[in-house]
Amino acid sequence: EKWKTNVLLTSFLCPGIVFADFFIMNLILWGEGSSAAIPFGTLVAILALWFCISVPLTFIGAYFGFKKNAIEHPVRTNQIPRQIPEQSFYTKPLPGIIMGGILPFGCIFIQLFFILNSI
């Protein structure tokens, strides 16, 4: 319904927040006199890429996307709702957090431990 607002926010707000954060961090580096600071010309080039490539492509994509017909679902939904079966223990939040977070962390930690010990 508010597709114009959506396109404007997509093209300006999301990259704008990232660029503003990057620019503020770069200002801090400039203030400290760090050699890691990005030159001003590079920041202008990034802005030019954003406004000359990213923004027009977003508007073009929105134009062609909203010109197409809406997607129709290939099947009809059933009027009688079916029962949702009871969840098993590994589909609950706590085991999911453990499997999704602690296990990969443990694998990476063990690998890095052995690599750094060999150095």
PDB file of N, CA and C in Angstrom:
ATOM      1  N   GLU A   1       0.817  -1.185   0.000  1.00  0.00           N
ATOM      2  CA  GLU A   1       0.000   0.000   0.000  1.00  0.00           C
ATOM      3  C   GLU A   1       0.865   1.255   0.000  1.00  0.00           C
ATOM      4  N   LYS A   2       1.887   1.287   0.823  1.00  0.00           N
ATOM      5  CA  LYS A   2       2.775   2.449   0.875  1.00  0.00           C
ATOM      6  C   LYS A   2       4.094   2.092   0.200  1.00  0.00           C
ATOM      7  N   TRP A   3       4.018   1.751  -1.066  1.00  0.00           N
ATOM      8  CA  TRP A   3       5.207   1.259  -1.757  1.00  0.00           C
ATOM      9  C   TRP A   3       6.223   2.361  -1.988  1.00  0.00           C
ATOM     10  N   LYS A   4       5.782   3.608  -2.136  1.00  0.00           N
ATOM     11  CA  LYS A   4       6.732   4.699  -2.338  1.00  0.00           C
ATOM     12  C   LYS A   4       7.572   4.928  -1.087  1.00  0.00           C
ATOM     13  N   THR A   5       6.926   4.887   0.067  1.00  0.00           N
ATOM     14  CA  THR A   5       7.666   5.028   1.327  1.00  0.00           C
ATOM     15  C   THR A   5       8.632   3.871   1.507  1.00  0.00           C
ATOM     16  N   ASN A   6       8.189   2.678   1.150  1.00  0.00           N
ATOM     17  CA  ASN A   6       9.038   1.497   1.268  1.00  0.00           C
ATOM     18  C   ASN A   6      10.280   1.616   0.403  1.00  0.00           C
ATOM     19  N   VAL A   7      10.107   2.087  -0.830  1.00  0.00           N
ATOM     20  CA  VAL A   7      11.252   2.228  -1.741  1.00  0.00           C
ATOM     21  C   VAL A   7      12.207   3.300  -1.227  1.00  0.00           C
ATOM     22  N   LEU A   8      11.679   4.415  -0.761  1.00  0.00           N
ATOM     23  CA  LEU A   8      12.544   5.479  -0.238  1.00  0.00           C
ATOM     24  C   LEU A   8      13.332   5.013   0.974  1.00  0.00           C
ATOM     25  N   LEU A   9      12.659   4.323   1.892  1.00  0.00           N
ATOM     26  CA  LEU A   9      13.358   3.843   3.086  1.00  0.00           C
ATOM     27  C   LEU A   9      14.394   2.783   2.731  1.00  0.00           C
ATOM     28  N   THR A  10      14.072   1.923   1.754  1.00  0.00           N
ATOM     29  CA  THR A  10      15.024   0.900   1.346  1.00  0.00           C
ATOM     30  C   THR A  10      16.268   1.511   0.733  1.00  0.00           C
ATOM     31  N   SER A  11      16.085   2.538  -0.086  1.00  0.00           N
ATOM     32  CA  SER A  11      17.238   3.095  -0.795  1.00  0.00           C
ATOM     33  C   SER A  11      18.029   4.090   0.039  1.00  0.00           C
ATOM     34  N   PHE A  12      17.417   4.740   1.025  1.00  0.00           N
ATOM     35  CA  PHE A  12      18.134   5.766   1.779  1.00  0.00           C
ATOM     36  C   PHE A  12      18.404   5.405   3.235  1.00  0.00           C
ATOM     37  N   LEU A  13      17.452   4.796   3.921  1.00  0.00           N
ATOM     38  CA  LEU A  13      17.615   4.577   5.359  1.00  0.00           C
ATOM     39  C   LEU A  13      18.639   3.497   5.669  1.00  0.00           C
ATOM     40  N   CYS A  14      18.509   2.346   5.043  1.00  0.00           N
ATOM     41  CA  CYS A  14      19.421   1.241   5.365  1.00  0.00           C
ATOM     42  C   CYS A  14      20.879   1.580   5.039  1.00  0.00           C
ATOM     43  N   PRO A  15      21.199   1.990   3.807  1.00  0.00           N
ATOM     44  CA  PRO A  15      22.587   2.353   3.539  1.00  0.00           C
ATOM     45  C   PRO A  15      22.998   3.630   4.272  1.00  0.00           C
ATOM     46  N   GLY A  16      22.032   4.518   4.550  1.00  0.00           N
ATOM     47  CA  GLY A  16      22.352   5.759   5.254  1.00  0.00           C
ATOM     48  C   GLY A  16      22.840   5.519   6.664  1.00  0.00           C
ATOM     49  N   ILE A  17      22.230   4.567   7.354  1.00  0.00           N
ATOM     50  CA  ILE A  17      22.662   4.244   8.720  1.00  0.00           C
ATOM     51  C   ILE A  17      24.078   3.674   8.697  1.00  0.00           C
ATOM     52  N   VAL A  18      24.334   2.780   7.753  1.00  0.00           N
ATOM     53  CA  VAL A  18      25.678   2.184   7.652  1.00  0.00           C
ATOM     54  C   VAL A  18      26.709   3.258   7.308  1.00  0.00           C
ATOM     55  N   PHE A  19      26.381   4.139   6.351  1.00  0.00           N
ATOM     56  CA  PHE A  19      27.327   5.181   5.963  1.00  0.00           C
ATOM     57  C   PHE A  19      27.547   6.171   7.097  1.00  0.00           C
ATOM     58  N   ALA A  20      26.491   6.554   7.813  1.00  0.00           N
ATOM     59  CA  ALA A  20      26.641   7.493   8.927  1.00  0.00           C
ATOM     60  C   ALA A  20      27.525   6.902  10.017  1.00  0.00           C
ATOM     61  N   ASP A  21      27.319   5.640  10.328  1.00  0.00           N
ATOM     62  CA  ASP A  21      28.155   4.975  11.328  1.00  0.00           C
ATOM     63  C   ASP A  21      29.615   4.934  10.873  1.00  0.00           C
ATOM     64  N   PHE A  22      29.826   4.579   9.610  1.00  0.00           N
ATOM     65  CA  PHE A  22      31.175   4.532   9.045  1.00  0.00           C
ATOM     66  C   PHE A  22      31.814   5.917   9.062  1.00  0.00           C
ATOM     67  N   PHE A  23      31.043   6.955   8.715  1.00  0.00           N
ATOM     68  CA  PHE A  23      31.567   8.319   8.667  1.00  0.00           C
ATOM     69  C   PHE A  23      31.924   8.817  10.062  1.00  0.00           C
ATOM     70  N   ILE A  24      31.102   8.521  11.061  1.00  0.00           N
ATOM     71  CA  ILE A  24      31.395   8.949  12.439  1.00  0.00           C
ATOM     72  C   ILE A  24      32.652   8.263  12.960  1.00  0.00           C
ATOM     73  N   MET A  25      32.782   6.968  12.682  1.00  0.00           N
ATOM     74  CA  MET A  25      34.007   6.272  13.114  1.00  0.00           C
ATOM     75  C   MET A  25      35.231   6.837  12.402  1.00  0.00           C
ATOM     76  N   ASN A  26      35.066   7.211  11.132  1.00  0.00           N
ATOM     77  CA  ASN A  26      36.177   7.780  10.383  1.00  0.00           C
ATOM     78  C   ASN A  26      36.521   9.175  10.916  1.00  0.00           C
ATOM     79  N   LEU A  27      35.514   9.940  11.341  1.00  0.00           N
ATOM     80  CA  LEU A  27      35.785  11.248  11.952  1.00  0.00           C
ATOM     81  C   LEU A  27      36.604  11.104  13.222  1.00  0.00           C
ATOM     82  N   ILE A  28      36.286  10.095  13.998  1.00  0.00           N
ATOM     83  CA  ILE A  28      37.056   9.842  15.228  1.00  0.00           C
ATOM     84  C   ILE A  28      38.503   9.503  14.875  1.00  0.00           C
ATOM     85  N   LEU A  29      38.684   8.691  13.833  1.00  0.00           N
ATOM     86  CA  LEU A  29      40.050   8.361  13.407  1.00  0.00           C
ATOM     87  C   LEU A  29      40.784   9.589  12.879  1.00  0.00           C
ATOM     88  N   TRP A  30      40.075  10.468  12.142  1.00  0.00           N
ATOM     89  CA  TRP A  30      40.694  11.713  11.678  1.00  0.00           C
ATOM     90  C   TRP A  30      41.116  12.578  12.858  1.00  0.00           C
ATOM     91  N   GLY A  31      40.241  12.674  13.855  1.00  0.00           N
ATOM     92  CA  GLY A  31      40.529  13.493  15.036  1.00  0.00           C
ATOM     93  C   GLY A  31      41.749  13.000  15.799  1.00  0.00           C
ATOM     94  N   GLU A  32      41.952  11.703  15.819  1.00  0.00           N
ATOM     95  CA  GLU A  32      43.101  11.127  16.517  1.00  0.00           C
ATOM     96  C   GLU A  32      44.358  11.152  15.660  1.00  0.00           C
ATOM     97  N   GLY A  33      44.215  11.507  14.396  1.00  0.00           N
ATOM     98  CA  GLY A  33      45.367  11.546  13.494  1.00  0.00           C
ATOM     99  C   GLY A  33      45.858  10.160  13.106  1.00  0.00           C
ATOM    100  N   SER A  34      44.959   9.204  13.025  1.00  0.00           N
ATOM    101  CA  SER A  34      45.327   7.836  12.712  1.00  0.00           C
ATOM    102  C   SER A  34      45.578   7.665  11.218  1.00  0.00           C
ATOM    103  N   SER A  35      46.493   6.751  10.904  1.00  0.00           N
ATOM    104  CA  SER A  35      46.761   6.460   9.493  1.00  0.00           C
ATOM    105  C   SER A  35      45.712   5.504   8.921  1.00  0.00           C
ATOM    106  N   ALA A  36      44.837   4.972   9.759  1.00  0.00           N
ATOM    107  CA  ALA A  36      43.794   4.060   9.308  1.00  0.00           C
ATOM    108  C   ALA A  36      42.568   4.811   8.796  1.00  0.00           C
ATOM    109  N   ALA A  37      42.548   6.143   8.904  1.00  0.00           N
ATOM    110  CA  ALA A  37      41.402   6.928   8.447  1.00  0.00           C
ATOM    111  C   ALA A  37      41.303   6.886   6.924  1.00  0.00           C
ATOM    112  N   ILE A  38      40.084   6.820   6.434  1.00  0.00           N
ATOM    113  CA  ILE A  38      39.818   6.791   4.995  1.00  0.00           C
ATOM    114  C   ILE A  38      39.906   8.224   4.468  1.00  0.00           C
ATOM    115  N   PRO A  39      40.570   8.452   3.341  1.00  0.00           N
ATOM    116  CA  PRO A  39      40.632   9.815   2.790  1.00  0.00           C
ATOM    117  C   PRO A  39      39.248  10.339   2.407  1.00  0.00           C
ATOM    118  N   PHE A  40      39.124  11.668   2.404  1.00  0.00           N
ATOM    119  CA  PHE A  40      37.834  12.298   2.107  1.00  0.00           C
ATOM    120  C   PHE A  40      37.374  11.976   0.687  1.00  0.00           C
ATOM    121  N   GLY A  41      38.276  11.909  -0.251  1.00  0.00           N
ATOM    122  CA  GLY A  41      37.925  11.586  -1.635  1.00  0.00           C
ATOM    123  C   GLY A  41      37.303  10.209  -1.762  1.00  0.00           C
ATOM    124  N   THR A  42      37.776   9.266  -0.962  1.00  0.00           N
ATOM    125  CA  THR A  42      37.191   7.918  -0.986  1.00  0.00           C
ATOM    126  C   THR A  42      35.765   7.942  -0.449  1.00  0.00           C
ATOM    127  N   LEU A  43      35.517   8.753   0.577  1.00  0.00           N
ATOM    128  CA  LEU A  43      34.156   8.874   1.109  1.00  0.00           C
ATOM    129  C   LEU A  43      33.221   9.501   0.075  1.00  0.00           C
ATOM    130  N   VAL A  44      33.727  10.482  -0.668  1.00  0.00           N
ATOM    131  CA  VAL A  44      32.914  11.087  -1.720  1.00  0.00           C
ATOM    132  C   VAL A  44      32.638  10.060  -2.820  1.00  0.00           C
ATOM    133  N   ALA A  45      33.619   9.214  -3.136  1.00  0.00           N
ATOM    134  CA  ALA A  45      33.416   8.169  -4.145  1.00  0.00           C
ATOM    135  C   ALA A  45      32.369   7.152  -3.679  1.00  0.00           C
ATOM    136  N   ILE A  46      32.379   6.822  -2.401  1.00  0.00           N
ATOM    137  CA  ILE A  46      31.374   5.897  -1.866  1.00  0.00           C
ATOM    138  C   ILE A  46      29.986   6.526  -1.941  1.00  0.00           C
ATOM    139  N   LEU A  47      29.893   7.822  -1.608  1.00  0.00           N
ATOM    140  CA  LEU A  47      28.602   8.511  -1.734  1.00  0.00           C
ATOM    141  C   LEU A  47      28.136   8.544  -3.186  1.00  0.00           C
ATOM    142  N   ALA A  48      29.064   8.769  -4.111  1.00  0.00           N
ATOM    143  CA  ALA A  48      28.706   8.786  -5.528  1.00  0.00           C
ATOM    144  C   ALA A  48      28.201   7.420  -5.978  1.00  0.00           C
ATOM    145  N   LEU A  49      28.856   6.348  -5.536  1.00  0.00           N
ATOM    146  CA  LEU A  49      28.381   5.000  -5.870  1.00  0.00           C
ATOM    147  C   LEU A  49      26.985   4.762  -5.311  1.00  0.00           C
ATOM    148  N   TRP A  50      26.762   5.236  -4.091  1.00  0.00           N
ATOM    149  CA  TRP A  50      25.465   5.039  -3.450  1.00  0.00           C
ATOM    150  C   TRP A  50      24.371   5.774  -4.223  1.00  0.00           C
ATOM    151  N   PHE A  51      24.581   7.062  -4.508  1.00  0.00           N
ATOM    152  CA  PHE A  51      23.534   7.859  -5.136  1.00  0.00           C
ATOM    153  C   PHE A  51      23.428   7.643  -6.648  1.00  0.00           C
ATOM    154  N   CYS A  52      24.506   7.238  -7.294  1.00  0.00           N
ATOM    155  CA  CYS A  52      24.462   7.081  -8.754  1.00  0.00           C
ATOM    156  C   CYS A  52      24.190   5.647  -9.208  1.00  0.00           C
ATOM    157  N   ILE A  53      24.399   4.660  -8.329  1.00  0.00           N
ATOM    158  CA  ILE A  53      24.185   3.268  -8.721  1.00  0.00           C
ATOM    159  C   ILE A  53      23.112   2.602  -7.861  1.00  0.00           C
ATOM    160  N   SER A  54      23.287   2.628  -6.547  1.00  0.00           N
ATOM    161  CA  SER A  54      22.385   1.896  -5.665  1.00  0.00           C
ATOM    162  C   SER A  54      20.968   2.469  -5.661  1.00  0.00           C
ATOM    163  N   VAL A  55      20.852   3.784  -5.521  1.00  0.00           N
ATOM    164  CA  VAL A  55      19.520   4.400  -5.452  1.00  0.00           C
ATOM    165  C   VAL A  55      18.748   4.232  -6.771  1.00  0.00           C
ATOM    166  N   PRO A  56      19.353   4.540  -7.933  1.00  0.00           N
ATOM    167  CA  PRO A  56      18.576   4.315  -9.174  1.00  0.00           C
ATOM    168  C   PRO A  56      18.203   2.856  -9.399  1.00  0.00           C
ATOM    169  N   LEU A  57      19.096   1.925  -9.065  1.00  0.00           N
ATOM    170  CA  LEU A  57      18.756   0.510  -9.237  1.00  0.00           C
ATOM    171  C   LEU A  57      17.614   0.092  -8.317  1.00  0.00           C
ATOM    172  N   THR A  58      17.550   0.674  -7.116  1.00  0.00           N
ATOM    173  CA  THR A  58      16.440   0.374  -6.214  1.00  0.00           C
ATOM    174  C   THR A  58      15.121   0.861  -6.799  1.00  0.00           C
ATOM    175  N   PHE A  59      15.133   2.071  -7.356  1.00  0.00           N
ATOM    176  CA  PHE A  59      13.910   2.602  -7.949  1.00  0.00           C
ATOM    177  C   PHE A  59      13.503   1.824  -9.197  1.00  0.00           C
ATOM    178  N   ILE A  60      14.463   1.438 -10.023  1.00  0.00           N
ATOM    179  CA  ILE A  60      14.155   0.656 -11.223  1.00  0.00           C
ATOM    180  C   ILE A  60      13.593  -0.711 -10.838  1.00  0.00           C
ATOM    181  N   GLY A  61      14.217  -1.351  -9.855  1.00  0.00           N
ATOM    182  CA  GLY A  61      13.727  -2.652  -9.399  1.00  0.00           C
ATOM    183  C   GLY A  61      12.334  -2.564  -8.806  1.00  0.00           C
ATOM    184  N   ALA A  62      12.062  -1.483  -8.056  1.00  0.00           N
ATOM    185  CA  ALA A  62      10.723  -1.315  -7.493  1.00  0.00           C
ATOM    186  C   ALA A  62       9.699  -1.078  -8.595  1.00  0.00           C
ATOM    187  N   TYR A  63      10.071  -0.314  -9.609  1.00  0.00           N
ATOM    188  CA  TYR A  63       9.154  -0.046 -10.720  1.00  0.00           C
ATOM    189  C   TYR A  63       8.758  -1.347 -11.424  1.00  0.00           C
ATOM    190  N   PHE A  64       9.774  -2.152 -11.783  1.00  0.00           N
ATOM    191  CA  PHE A  64       9.466  -3.405 -12.483  1.00  0.00           C
ATOM    192  C   PHE A  64       8.801  -4.415 -11.557  1.00  0.00           C
ATOM    193  N   GLY A  65       9.145  -4.398 -10.282  1.00  0.00           N
ATOM    194  CA  GLY A  65       8.529  -5.325  -9.336  1.00  0.00           C
ATOM    195  C   GLY A  65       7.062  -5.039  -9.101  1.00  0.00           C
ATOM    196  N   PHE A  66       6.721  -3.772  -8.970  1.00  0.00           N
ATOM    197  CA  PHE A  66       5.312  -3.426  -8.736  1.00  0.00           C
ATOM    198  C   PHE A  66       4.484  -3.472 -10.016  1.00  0.00           C
ATOM    199  N   LYS A  67       5.139  -3.495 -11.182  1.00  0.00           N
ATOM    200  CA  LYS A  67       4.427  -3.608 -12.446  1.00  0.00           C
ATOM    201  C   LYS A  67       3.951  -5.043 -12.697  1.00  0.00           C
ATOM    202  N   LYS A  68       4.626  -6.024 -12.097  1.00  0.00           N
ATOM    203  CA  LYS A  68       4.262  -7.428 -12.297  1.00  0.00           C
ATOM    204  C   LYS A  68       2.986  -7.770 -11.534  1.00  0.00           C
ATOM    205  N   ASN A  69       2.337  -8.831 -11.977  1.00  0.00           N
ATOM    206  CA  ASN A  69       1.145  -9.312 -11.289  1.00  0.00           C
ATOM    207  C   ASN A  69       1.516  -9.948  -9.952  1.00  0.00           C
ATOM    208  N   ALA A  70       0.548  -9.961  -9.049  1.00  0.00           N
ATOM    209  CA  ALA A  70       0.774 -10.567  -7.744  1.00  0.00           C
ATOM    210  C   ALA A  70       0.937 -12.073  -7.885  1.00  0.00           C
ATOM    211  N   ILE A  71       1.703 -12.669  -6.999  1.00  0.00           N
ATOM    212  CA  ILE A  71       1.944 -14.110  -7.023  1.00  0.00           C
ATOM    213  C   ILE A  71       0.697 -14.833  -6.518  1.00  0.00           C
ATOM    214  N   GLU A  72       0.256 -15.821  -7.280  1.00  0.00           N
ATOM    215  CA  GLU A  72      -0.877 -16.634  -6.855  1.00  0.00           C
ATOM    216  C   GLU A  72      -0.343 -17.942  -6.276  1.00  0.00           C
ATOM    217  N   HIS A  73      -0.895 -18.355  -5.159  1.00  0.00           N
ATOM    218  CA  HIS A  73      -0.463 -19.592  -4.533  1.00  0.00           C
ATOM    219  C   HIS A  73      -0.931 -20.780  -5.375  1.00  0.00           C
ATOM    220  N   PRO A  74      -0.080 -21.784  -5.571  1.00  0.00           N
ATOM    221  CA  PRO A  74      -0.442 -22.894  -6.464  1.00  0.00           C
ATOM    222  C   PRO A  74      -1.478 -23.852  -5.892  1.00  0.00           C
ATOM    223  N   VAL A  75      -1.735 -23.786  -4.604  1.00  0.00           N
ATOM    224  CA  VAL A  75      -2.720 -24.690  -3.993  1.00  0.00           C
ATOM    225  C   VAL A  75      -3.711 -23.859  -3.176  1.00  0.00           C
ATOM    226  N   ARG A  76      -4.868 -24.434  -2.960  1.00  0.00           N
ATOM    227  CA  ARG A  76      -5.835 -23.739  -2.112  1.00  0.00           C
ATOM    228  C   ARG A  76      -5.647 -24.204  -0.671  1.00  0.00           C
ATOM    229  N   THR A  77      -5.972 -23.361   0.269  1.00  0.00           N
ATOM    230  CA  THR A  77      -5.830 -23.724   1.675  1.00  0.00           C
ATOM    231  C   THR A  77      -7.042 -24.514   2.124  1.00  0.00           C
ATOM    232  N   ASN A  78      -6.812 -25.402   3.050  1.00  0.00           N
ATOM    233  CA  ASN A  78      -7.875 -26.248   3.576  1.00  0.00           C
ATOM    234  C   ASN A  78      -8.683 -25.462   4.607  1.00  0.00           C
ATOM    235  N   GLN A  79      -9.985 -25.603   4.565  1.00  0.00           N
ATOM    236  CA  GLN A  79     -10.845 -24.880   5.504  1.00  0.00           C
ATOM    237  C   GLN A  79     -10.806 -25.505   6.897  1.00  0.00           C
ATOM    238  N   ILE A  80     -10.483 -26.780   6.975  1.00  0.00           N
ATOM    239  CA  ILE A  80     -10.433 -27.476   8.268  1.00  0.00           C
ATOM    240  C   ILE A  80      -8.999 -27.420   8.775  1.00  0.00           C
ATOM    241  N   PRO A  81      -8.758 -26.737   9.895  1.00  0.00           N
ATOM    242  CA  PRO A  81      -7.384 -26.666  10.396  1.00  0.00           C
ATOM    243  C   PRO A  81      -6.941 -28.011  10.965  1.00  0.00           C
ATOM    244  N   ARG A  82      -5.706 -28.344  10.738  1.00  0.00           N
ATOM    245  CA  ARG A  82      -5.196 -29.611  11.283  1.00  0.00           C
ATOM    246  C   ARG A  82      -4.489 -29.343  12.605  1.00  0.00           C
ATOM    247  N   GLN A  83      -4.390 -30.384  13.407  1.00  0.00           N
ATOM    248  CA  GLN A  83      -3.739 -30.233  14.708  1.00  0.00           C
ATOM    249  C   GLN A  83      -2.230 -30.129  14.525  1.00  0.00           C
ATOM    250  N   ILE A  84      -1.638 -29.281  15.345  1.00  0.00           N
ATOM    251  CA  ILE A  84      -0.188 -29.156  15.338  1.00  0.00           C
ATOM    252  C   ILE A  84       0.367 -30.152  16.343  1.00  0.00           C
ATOM    253  N   PRO A  85       1.255 -31.056  15.905  1.00  0.00           N
ATOM    254  CA  PRO A  85       1.763 -32.065  16.842  1.00  0.00           C
ATOM    255  C   PRO A  85       2.629 -31.434  17.933  1.00  0.00           C
ATOM    256  N   GLU A  86       2.771 -32.150  19.031  1.00  0.00           N
ATOM    257  CA  GLU A  86       3.589 -31.691  20.162  1.00  0.00           C
ATOM    258  C   GLU A  86       5.044 -31.588  19.724  1.00  0.00           C
ATOM    259  N   GLN A  87       5.712 -30.533  20.164  1.00  0.00           N
ATOM    260  CA  GLN A  87       7.112 -30.341  19.791  1.00  0.00           C
ATOM    261  C   GLN A  87       8.006 -31.309  20.554  1.00  0.00           C
ATOM    262  N   SER A  88       9.022 -31.787  19.831  1.00  0.00           N
ATOM    263  CA  SER A  88      10.016 -32.609  20.514  1.00  0.00           C
ATOM    264  C   SER A  88      10.969 -31.695  21.278  1.00  0.00           C
ATOM    265  N   PHE A  89      11.815 -32.260  22.127  1.00  0.00           N
ATOM    266  CA  PHE A  89      12.637 -31.445  23.017  1.00  0.00           C
ATOM    267  C   PHE A  89      13.633 -30.577  22.260  1.00  0.00           C
ATOM    268  N   TYR A  90      14.144 -31.037  21.122  1.00  0.00           N
ATOM    269  CA  TYR A  90      15.173 -30.282  20.427  1.00  0.00           C
ATOM    270  C   TYR A  90      14.611 -29.143  19.577  1.00  0.00           C
ATOM    271  N   THR A  91      13.289 -29.012  19.499  1.00  0.00           N
ATOM    272  CA  THR A  91      12.709 -27.875  18.790  1.00  0.00           C
ATOM    273  C   THR A  91      12.284 -26.763  19.744  1.00  0.00           C
ATOM    274  N   LYS A  92      12.525 -26.921  21.022  1.00  0.00           N
ATOM    275  CA  LYS A  92      12.224 -25.882  22.003  1.00  0.00           C
ATOM    276  C   LYS A  92      13.376 -24.870  22.021  1.00  0.00           C
ATOM    277  N   PRO A  93      13.169 -23.666  22.588  1.00  0.00           N
ATOM    278  CA  PRO A  93      14.180 -22.602  22.490  1.00  0.00           C
ATOM    279  C   PRO A  93      15.535 -22.926  23.126  1.00  0.00           C
ATOM    280  N   LEU A  94      15.575 -23.463  24.334  1.00  0.00           N
ATOM    281  CA  LEU A  94      16.865 -23.666  25.006  1.00  0.00           C
ATOM    282  C   LEU A  94      17.777 -24.657  24.284  1.00  0.00           C
ATOM    283  N   PRO A  95      17.301 -25.838  23.892  1.00  0.00           N
ATOM    284  CA  PRO A  95      18.187 -26.713  23.113  1.00  0.00           C
ATOM    285  C   PRO A  95      18.593 -26.100  21.771  1.00  0.00           C
ATOM    286  N   GLY A  96      17.698 -25.317  21.170  1.00  0.00           N
ATOM    287  CA  GLY A  96      18.051 -24.651  19.915  1.00  0.00           C
ATOM    288  C   GLY A  96      19.158 -23.639  20.098  1.00  0.00           C
ATOM    289  N   ILE A  97      19.111 -22.908  21.217  1.00  0.00           N
ATOM    290  CA  ILE A  97      20.169 -21.942  21.517  1.00  0.00           C
ATOM    291  C   ILE A  97      21.486 -22.662  21.737  1.00  0.00           C
ATOM    292  N   ILE A  98      21.439 -23.769  22.456  1.00  0.00           N
ATOM    293  CA  ILE A  98      22.669 -24.519  22.734  1.00  0.00           C
ATOM    294  C   ILE A  98      23.262 -25.079  21.447  1.00  0.00           C
ATOM    295  N   MET A  99      22.412 -25.688  20.620  1.00  0.00           N
ATOM    296  CA  MET A  99      22.923 -26.271  19.374  1.00  0.00           C
ATOM    297  C   MET A  99      23.358 -25.198  18.390  1.00  0.00           C
ATOM    298  N   GLY A 100      22.643 -24.074  18.351  1.00  0.00           N
ATOM    299  CA  GLY A 100      22.958 -23.030  17.388  1.00  0.00           C
ATOM    300  C   GLY A 100      24.080 -22.115  17.803  1.00  0.00           C
ATOM    301  N   GLY A 101      24.418 -22.087  19.089  1.00  0.00           N
ATOM    302  CA  GLY A 101      25.434 -21.159  19.557  1.00  0.00           C
ATOM    303  C   GLY A 101      26.639 -21.802  20.196  1.00  0.00           C
ATOM    304  N   ILE A 102      26.398 -22.660  21.166  1.00  0.00           N
ATOM    305  CA  ILE A 102      27.516 -23.210  21.940  1.00  0.00           C
ATOM    306  C   ILE A 102      28.308 -24.231  21.133  1.00  0.00           C
ATOM    307  N   LEU A 103      27.639 -25.067  20.363  1.00  0.00           N
ATOM    308  CA  LEU A 103      28.369 -26.079  19.597  1.00  0.00           C
ATOM    309  C   LEU A 103      29.307 -25.477  18.554  1.00  0.00           C
ATOM    310  N   PRO A 104      28.869 -24.519  17.720  1.00  0.00           N
ATOM    311  CA  PRO A 104      29.833 -23.912  16.791  1.00  0.00           C
ATOM    312  C   PRO A 104      30.949 -23.160  17.511  1.00  0.00           C
ATOM    313  N   PHE A 105      30.594 -22.472  18.611  1.00  0.00           N
ATOM    314  CA  PHE A 105      31.621 -21.768  19.373  1.00  0.00           C
ATOM    315  C   PHE A 105      32.650 -22.749  19.915  1.00  0.00           C
ATOM    316  N   GLY A 106      32.178 -23.880  20.432  1.00  0.00           N
ATOM    317  CA  GLY A 106      33.109 -24.875  20.968  1.00  0.00           C
ATOM    318  C   GLY A 106      34.024 -25.437  19.890  1.00  0.00           C
ATOM    319  N   CYS A 107      33.489 -25.704  18.721  1.00  0.00           N
ATOM    320  CA  CYS A 107      34.319 -26.223  17.624  1.00  0.00           C
ATOM    321  C   CYS A 107      35.393 -25.223  17.223  1.00  0.00           C
ATOM    322  N   ILE A 108      35.001 -23.967  17.052  1.00  0.00           N
ATOM    323  CA  ILE A 108      35.973 -22.936  16.661  1.00  0.00           C
ATOM    324  C   ILE A 108      36.988 -22.711  17.764  1.00  0.00           C
ATOM    325  N   PHE A 109      36.523 -22.710  19.029  1.00  0.00           N
ATOM    326  CA  PHE A 109      37.430 -22.498  20.153  1.00  0.00           C
ATOM    327  C   PHE A 109      38.493 -23.589  20.217  1.00  0.00           C
ATOM    328  N   ILE A 110      38.081 -24.840  20.044  1.00  0.00           N
ATOM    329  CA  ILE A 110      39.043 -25.952  20.110  1.00  0.00           C
ATOM    330  C   ILE A 110      40.046 -25.852  18.965  1.00  0.00           C
ATOM    331  N   GLN A 111      39.566 -25.531  17.759  1.00  0.00           N
ATOM    332  CA  GLN A 111      40.480 -25.383  16.612  1.00  0.00           C
ATOM    333  C   GLN A 111      41.493 -24.278  16.869  1.00  0.00           C
ATOM    334  N   LEU A 112      41.011 -23.121  17.313  1.00  0.00           N
ATOM    335  CA  LEU A 112      41.920 -22.001  17.569  1.00  0.00           C
ATOM    336  C   LEU A 112      42.874 -22.320  18.722  1.00  0.00           C
ATOM    337  N   PHE A 113      42.404 -23.046  19.718  1.00  0.00           N
ATOM    338  CA  PHE A 113      43.265 -23.419  20.846  1.00  0.00           C
ATOM    339  C   PHE A 113      44.461 -24.235  20.355  1.00  0.00           C
ATOM    340  N   PHE A 114      44.204 -25.242  19.520  1.00  0.00           N
ATOM    341  CA  PHE A 114      45.304 -26.067  19.030  1.00  0.00           C
ATOM    342  C   PHE A 114      46.203 -25.313  18.068  1.00  0.00           C
ATOM    343  N   ILE A 115      45.629 -24.454  17.236  1.00  0.00           N
ATOM    344  CA  ILE A 115      46.447 -23.676  16.296  1.00  0.00           C
ATOM    345  C   ILE A 115      47.365 -22.723  17.046  1.00  0.00           C
ATOM    346  N   LEU A 116      46.808 -22.009  18.021  1.00  0.00           N
ATOM    347  CA  LEU A 116      47.624 -21.040  18.777  1.00  0.00           C
ATOM    348  C   LEU A 116      48.633 -21.717  19.697  1.00  0.00           C
ATOM    349  N   ASN A 117      48.321 -22.909  20.183  1.00  0.00           N
ATOM    350  CA  ASN A 117      49.305 -23.636  20.998  1.00  0.00           C
ATOM    351  C   ASN A 117      50.476 -24.137  20.148  1.00  0.00           C
ATOM    352  N   SER A 118      50.215 -24.458  18.889  1.00  0.00           N
ATOM    353  CA  SER A 118      51.297 -24.927  18.047  1.00  0.00           C
ATOM    354  C   SER A 118      52.230 -23.778  17.638  1.00  0.00           C
ATOM    355  N   ILE A 119      51.756 -22.577  17.703  1.00  0.00           N
ATOM    356  CA  ILE A 119      52.606 -21.426  17.369  1.00  0.00           C
ATOM    357  C   ILE A 119      53.488 -21.132  18.542  1.00  0.00           C
TER     358      ILE A 119
END
